[in-house]
């Protein structure tokens, strides 16, 4: 799909996209997606006409700063203190519910 969108996507192109994304689409869904994807691509096509000459590339529209404290090495917590605050413990470890059945 290296072509510049001049008209709507074909059903075969939508099938190809669906196969790449591992989506199983019915014929009705392919027709729906054909129209929706074509509309999305037309919006991107219109962006090609925006003059960006002299516009500096940006990663963010605002100044980015971290709100986290600086990372620094510290002494580890004592096991007994951690286990004392844990809701449940067993054999020196924090005991939690199984996640996988």
N, C-alpha and C. Protein backbone atom coordinates (compact mmCIF):
# COMPACT_ATOMS: atom_id res chain seq x y z
N UNK A 1 0.83 -1.18 0.00
CA UNK A 1 0.00 0.00 0.00
C UNK A 1 0.87 1.25 0.00
N UNK A 2 1.73 1.34 -1.02
CA UNK A 2 2.60 2.50 -1.14
C UNK A 2 1.96 3.58 -1.99
N UNK A 3 0.73 3.38 -2.39
CA UNK A 3 0.10 4.37 -3.25
C UNK A 3 -0.47 5.51 -2.43
N UNK A 4 -0.52 6.67 -3.04
CA UNK A 4 -1.14 7.83 -2.41
C UNK A 4 -2.63 7.69 -2.65
N UNK A 5 -3.44 7.86 -1.64
CA UNK A 5 -4.87 7.61 -1.72
C UNK A 5 -5.55 8.60 -2.66
N UNK A 6 -6.00 8.10 -3.79
CA UNK A 6 -6.74 8.94 -4.74
C UNK A 6 -8.23 8.62 -4.65
N UNK A 7 -8.53 7.40 -4.24
CA UNK A 7 -9.92 6.98 -4.09
C UNK A 7 -9.99 6.03 -2.90
N UNK A 8 -11.13 5.41 -2.73
CA UNK A 8 -11.30 4.52 -1.58
C UNK A 8 -10.46 3.26 -1.70
N UNK A 9 -10.14 2.69 -0.55
CA UNK A 9 -9.44 1.42 -0.53
C UNK A 9 -10.30 0.34 -1.16
N UNK A 10 -9.65 -0.66 -1.72
CA UNK A 10 -10.40 -1.78 -2.27
C UNK A 10 -10.66 -2.80 -1.17
N UNK A 11 -11.59 -3.69 -1.42
CA UNK A 11 -11.88 -4.74 -0.45
C UNK A 11 -10.65 -5.63 -0.25
N UNK A 12 -9.89 -5.87 -1.33
CA UNK A 12 -8.68 -6.69 -1.21
C UNK A 12 -7.64 -6.01 -0.33
N UNK A 13 -7.52 -4.68 -0.42
CA UNK A 13 -6.58 -3.97 0.44
C UNK A 13 -7.00 -4.07 1.90
N UNK A 14 -8.29 -3.99 2.16
CA UNK A 14 -8.79 -4.13 3.53
C UNK A 14 -8.55 -5.55 4.04
N UNK A 15 -8.76 -6.54 3.18
CA UNK A 15 -8.47 -7.93 3.57
C UNK A 15 -6.99 -8.09 3.92
N UNK A 16 -6.13 -7.45 3.14
CA UNK A 16 -4.69 -7.51 3.38
C UNK A 16 -4.35 -6.88 4.74
N UNK A 17 -4.92 -5.72 5.02
CA UNK A 17 -4.70 -5.05 6.31
C UNK A 17 -5.22 -5.93 7.44
N UNK A 18 -6.39 -6.52 7.24
CA UNK A 18 -6.97 -7.40 8.26
C UNK A 18 -6.06 -8.61 8.51
N UNK A 19 -5.49 -9.15 7.46
CA UNK A 19 -4.59 -10.29 7.62
C UNK A 19 -3.33 -9.89 8.38
N UNK A 20 -2.80 -8.70 8.08
CA UNK A 20 -1.60 -8.22 8.78
C UNK A 20 -1.87 -8.02 10.27
N UNK A 21 -3.07 -7.60 10.61
CA UNK A 21 -3.43 -7.35 12.01
C UNK A 21 -4.10 -8.55 12.65
N UNK A 22 -4.18 -9.64 11.89
CA UNK A 22 -4.76 -10.90 12.36
C UNK A 22 -6.22 -10.73 12.81
N UNK A 23 -6.96 -9.96 12.02
CA UNK A 23 -8.38 -9.78 12.28
C UNK A 23 -9.18 -10.60 11.28
N UNK A 24 -10.14 -11.34 11.77
CA UNK A 24 -11.03 -12.06 10.89
C UNK A 24 -12.27 -11.20 10.66
N UNK A 25 -12.46 -10.72 9.45
CA UNK A 25 -13.58 -9.83 9.14
C UNK A 25 -14.55 -10.51 8.19
N UNK A 26 -15.82 -10.30 8.43
CA UNK A 26 -16.84 -10.76 7.49
C UNK A 26 -16.87 -9.81 6.30
N UNK A 27 -17.59 -10.20 5.25
CA UNK A 27 -17.71 -9.33 4.08
C UNK A 27 -18.36 -8.00 4.44
N UNK A 28 -19.36 -8.04 5.32
CA UNK A 28 -20.01 -6.79 5.76
C UNK A 28 -19.03 -5.91 6.53
N UNK A 29 -18.23 -6.53 7.39
CA UNK A 29 -17.25 -5.76 8.16
C UNK A 29 -16.17 -5.18 7.25
N UNK A 30 -15.80 -5.92 6.22
CA UNK A 30 -14.80 -5.42 5.26
C UNK A 30 -15.34 -4.17 4.57
N UNK A 31 -16.60 -4.19 4.18
CA UNK A 31 -17.19 -3.01 3.54
C UNK A 31 -17.24 -1.83 4.50
N UNK A 32 -17.60 -2.07 5.75
CA UNK A 32 -17.64 -1.00 6.75
C UNK A 32 -16.24 -0.44 6.96
N UNK A 33 -15.26 -1.33 7.14
CA UNK A 33 -13.89 -0.89 7.37
C UNK A 33 -13.31 -0.19 6.14
N UNK A 34 -13.73 -0.61 4.96
CA UNK A 34 -13.24 0.02 3.73
C UNK A 34 -13.59 1.50 3.72
N UNK A 35 -14.83 1.82 4.08
CA UNK A 35 -15.25 3.22 4.13
C UNK A 35 -14.56 3.99 5.25
N UNK A 36 -14.49 3.37 6.44
CA UNK A 36 -13.88 4.05 7.58
C UNK A 36 -12.39 4.28 7.39
N UNK A 37 -11.68 3.26 6.93
CA UNK A 37 -10.24 3.42 6.70
C UNK A 37 -9.96 4.42 5.60
N UNK A 38 -10.78 4.41 4.56
CA UNK A 38 -10.61 5.38 3.48
C UNK A 38 -10.78 6.81 3.99
N UNK A 39 -11.76 7.02 4.86
CA UNK A 39 -11.98 8.35 5.44
C UNK A 39 -10.79 8.79 6.28
N UNK A 40 -10.27 7.87 7.07
CA UNK A 40 -9.11 8.19 7.91
C UNK A 40 -7.91 8.56 7.03
N UNK A 41 -7.68 7.78 5.98
CA UNK A 41 -6.54 8.05 5.10
C UNK A 41 -6.70 9.38 4.36
N UNK A 42 -7.93 9.76 4.05
CA UNK A 42 -8.16 11.05 3.38
C UNK A 42 -7.80 12.21 4.30
N UNK A 43 -8.04 12.04 5.60
CA UNK A 43 -7.64 13.09 6.55
C UNK A 43 -6.12 13.22 6.55
N UNK A 44 -5.42 12.09 6.58
CA UNK A 44 -3.96 12.14 6.52
C UNK A 44 -3.47 12.72 5.21
N UNK A 45 -4.18 12.40 4.14
CA UNK A 45 -3.84 12.94 2.83
C UNK A 45 -3.93 14.47 2.84
N UNK A 46 -4.94 15.02 3.51
CA UNK A 46 -5.08 16.47 3.57
C UNK A 46 -3.93 17.11 4.36
N UNK A 47 -3.37 16.37 5.31
CA UNK A 47 -2.24 16.90 6.07
C UNK A 47 -0.98 17.04 5.21
N UNK A 48 -0.90 16.30 4.12
CA UNK A 48 0.24 16.40 3.22
C UNK A 48 0.32 17.79 2.58
N UNK A 49 -0.78 18.50 2.55
CA UNK A 49 -0.83 19.80 1.91
C UNK A 49 -0.48 20.94 2.86
N UNK A 50 -0.27 20.64 4.13
CA UNK A 50 0.08 21.67 5.12
C UNK A 50 1.54 22.04 4.93
N UNK A 51 1.82 23.34 4.80
CA UNK A 51 3.19 23.82 4.63
C UNK A 51 3.91 23.78 5.97
N UNK A 52 4.90 22.89 6.09
CA UNK A 52 5.66 22.76 7.33
C UNK A 52 7.10 23.24 7.14
N UNK A 53 7.35 23.92 6.06
CA UNK A 53 8.69 24.44 5.79
C UNK A 53 9.10 25.39 6.91
N UNK A 54 10.25 25.14 7.50
CA UNK A 54 10.76 26.00 8.57
C UNK A 54 10.19 25.71 9.94
N UNK A 55 9.30 24.72 10.03
CA UNK A 55 8.74 24.36 11.33
C UNK A 55 9.64 23.31 11.97
N UNK A 56 10.11 23.62 13.16
CA UNK A 56 11.02 22.71 13.84
C UNK A 56 10.26 21.48 14.34
N UNK A 57 10.77 20.26 14.10
CA UNK A 57 10.10 19.06 14.60
C UNK A 57 10.04 19.06 16.12
N UNK A 58 8.94 18.57 16.65
CA UNK A 58 8.79 18.50 18.09
C UNK A 58 8.28 17.12 18.49
N UNK A 59 8.64 16.72 19.68
CA UNK A 59 8.12 15.48 20.23
C UNK A 59 6.95 15.75 21.13
N UNK A 60 6.91 16.97 21.68
CA UNK A 60 5.85 17.36 22.59
C UNK A 60 5.46 18.80 22.28
N UNK A 61 4.23 19.13 22.54
CA UNK A 61 3.78 20.50 22.29
C UNK A 61 4.04 21.42 23.46
N UNK A 62 4.37 20.85 24.61
CA UNK A 62 4.67 21.65 25.79
C UNK A 62 6.01 21.20 26.36
N UNK A 63 6.55 22.00 27.26
CA UNK A 63 7.81 21.64 27.90
C UNK A 63 7.61 20.38 28.73
N UNK A 64 8.51 19.45 28.57
CA UNK A 64 8.41 18.19 29.31
C UNK A 64 9.38 18.23 30.47
N UNK A 65 8.85 17.94 31.64
CA UNK A 65 9.71 17.84 32.82
C UNK A 65 9.19 16.71 33.69
N UNK A 66 10.08 16.07 34.37
CA UNK A 66 9.69 14.96 35.21
C UNK A 66 9.25 15.47 36.58
N UNK A 67 8.26 14.82 37.13
CA UNK A 67 7.79 15.19 38.47
C UNK A 67 8.29 14.19 39.51
N UNK A 68 9.13 13.28 39.07
CA UNK A 68 9.66 12.27 39.98
C UNK A 68 10.96 12.75 40.61
N UNK A 69 11.24 12.27 41.80
CA UNK A 69 12.49 12.64 42.46
C UNK A 69 13.65 11.94 41.77
N UNK A 70 14.82 12.45 41.99
CA UNK A 70 16.03 11.82 41.43
C UNK A 70 16.21 10.45 42.08
N UNK A 71 16.66 9.50 41.29
CA UNK A 71 16.88 8.15 41.79
C UNK A 71 18.20 8.12 42.55
N UNK A 72 18.19 7.53 43.72
CA UNK A 72 19.43 7.42 44.51
C UNK A 72 19.41 6.11 45.28
N UNK A 73 20.59 5.56 45.47
CA UNK A 73 20.71 4.29 46.20
C UNK A 73 20.43 4.53 47.67
N UNK A 74 19.68 3.61 48.27
CA UNK A 74 19.35 3.69 49.68
C UNK A 74 19.44 2.30 50.29
N UNK A 75 19.51 2.25 51.59
CA UNK A 75 19.52 0.97 52.29
C UNK A 75 18.18 0.27 52.07
N UNK A 76 18.23 -1.05 51.96
CA UNK A 76 17.00 -1.83 51.82
C UNK A 76 16.22 -1.84 53.12
N UNK A 77 14.94 -2.06 53.04
CA UNK A 77 14.11 -2.19 54.23
C UNK A 77 14.37 -3.54 54.89
N UNK A 78 14.17 -3.58 56.17
CA UNK A 78 14.35 -4.83 56.91
C UNK A 78 13.18 -5.77 56.60
N UNK A 79 13.49 -7.03 56.40
CA UNK A 79 12.47 -8.03 56.08
C UNK A 79 11.38 -8.08 57.16
N UNK A 80 11.76 -8.02 58.40
CA UNK A 80 10.77 -8.12 59.48
C UNK A 80 9.78 -6.96 59.43
N UNK A 81 10.27 -5.78 59.14
CA UNK A 81 9.39 -4.61 59.04
C UNK A 81 8.41 -4.74 57.89
N UNK A 82 8.88 -5.26 56.77
CA UNK A 82 8.01 -5.46 55.61
C UNK A 82 6.94 -6.50 55.93
N UNK A 83 7.36 -7.63 56.49
CA UNK A 83 6.42 -8.71 56.81
C UNK A 83 5.42 -8.28 57.88
N UNK A 84 5.85 -7.42 58.80
CA UNK A 84 4.95 -6.94 59.85
C UNK A 84 3.81 -6.11 59.24
N UNK A 85 4.09 -5.40 58.15
CA UNK A 85 3.08 -4.55 57.51
C UNK A 85 2.30 -5.25 56.40
N UNK A 86 2.72 -6.46 56.04
CA UNK A 86 2.03 -7.21 54.99
C UNK A 86 0.74 -7.81 55.54
N UNK A 87 -0.32 -7.86 54.72
CA UNK A 87 -1.57 -8.45 55.19
C UNK A 87 -1.43 -9.93 55.54
N UNK A 88 -0.51 -10.65 54.83
CA UNK A 88 -0.32 -12.07 55.11
C UNK A 88 1.10 -12.43 54.70
N UNK A 89 1.71 -13.35 55.41
CA UNK A 89 3.06 -13.80 55.07
C UNK A 89 3.19 -15.28 55.39
N UNK A 90 4.20 -15.89 54.76
CA UNK A 90 4.45 -17.31 54.98
C UNK A 90 5.91 -17.60 54.68
N UNK A 91 6.59 -18.24 55.59
CA UNK A 91 7.98 -18.66 55.43
C UNK A 91 8.90 -17.50 55.05
N UNK A 92 8.65 -16.33 55.60
CA UNK A 92 9.53 -15.18 55.34
C UNK A 92 9.22 -14.41 54.07
N UNK A 93 8.08 -14.69 53.43
CA UNK A 93 7.70 -14.01 52.19
C UNK A 93 6.31 -13.41 52.35
N UNK A 94 6.04 -12.35 51.60
CA UNK A 94 4.69 -11.80 51.56
C UNK A 94 3.83 -12.77 50.78
N UNK A 95 2.69 -13.13 51.32
CA UNK A 95 1.79 -14.09 50.67
C UNK A 95 0.68 -13.33 49.97
N UNK A 96 0.47 -13.66 48.69
CA UNK A 96 -0.58 -13.01 47.89
C UNK A 96 -1.44 -14.09 47.25
N UNK A 97 -2.63 -13.67 46.80
CA UNK A 97 -3.52 -14.60 46.11
C UNK A 97 -2.91 -15.01 44.79
N UNK A 98 -3.14 -16.24 44.37
CA UNK A 98 -2.65 -16.65 43.04
C UNK A 98 -3.34 -15.83 41.95
N UNK A 99 -2.59 -15.47 40.94
CA UNK A 99 -3.14 -14.68 39.84
C UNK A 99 -3.68 -15.62 38.77
N UNK A 100 -2.95 -16.66 38.49
CA UNK A 100 -3.37 -17.63 37.48
C UNK A 100 -3.95 -18.84 38.19
N UNK A 101 -5.12 -19.27 37.72
CA UNK A 101 -5.83 -20.37 38.36
C UNK A 101 -5.20 -21.66 38.04
